[in-house]
Amino acid sequence: MRERLRENLDRVIWNIEQARIQVSEHHIVKLVAVGKYSDEESIRLLYELGQRAFAENQVQQLANRVESLKSLPIEWHMIGTLQTNKINRLIELKPYLLQSLSSLKLAEALNSRLEKKETTMNALLQINSANENSKSGVKVDEAVDIYQEIKERYPHIKLKGVMSIGALSSSKKIVQKSFETTYNIYEKLKRDGAEICSMGMSGDYELAIKCGSNLVRIGSKIFK
């Protein structure tokens, strides 16, 4: 299993490098391994191979992993839909980054709980760049205003940038357009301190990087 994981990780890193260099030699891309398709042993092996950032889609799964792997100083990310009844649990887990802050309503609830616990949380604003009903996230034309409003009104949330999921389409042009839309918003938000543009998963991460992504979330391409 170790060799398979090593081969998968090396292949993904190579692909990231090739895509990154097409943008610029100075364009840095962070790899976050998504543990949804794995077990604790695989994560432990990947850590030994040099991977440091891992993500989970569900708060309970994240809690299980954090507990099982607490001996390792892993950088944990939460990337799935956050339900309000799970906010307190997520705060207890102290993730490095919540990538899926998907609405003003959620921001208000999160900030309120963070304030009570006298702590803060790093987060990315999730944008529904493809305007798909199946996806969470703020609307494209509201994203800049909502980002700025969260920064102004909710000081316990430390916004670090944006996240989106590529369009669910077999057309490369449609997927590319959804990434370009997110990247254009990210560019506008740089003046508001945005540093992270999280786009791209196992099926489209190379395209996402070419469109400007500096953080990719890879699961099956590493673990399967």
Foldseek 3Di string as FASTA:
>chain_A
DLVLLLVLVVVVVVLLCVLQVVQPPPQAAAEEEECPLHDLVSVVSVVVVPRAHYEYADLVVLVVNCVVPVVDNHQYEHEHDDDLVCLVSVVVSQHQEHEEPADLVSLVSNLVNCVVVVAAHEYAFEEALLPDPVDGHDYLVCVLVSVVCSVVPRVRYHYAYHEYEFDPDPDPVRRLNSLLSRVVSRVVCVVVNHDAYEYEEDPCNSSSVNSPHRYYYYYPSNHD
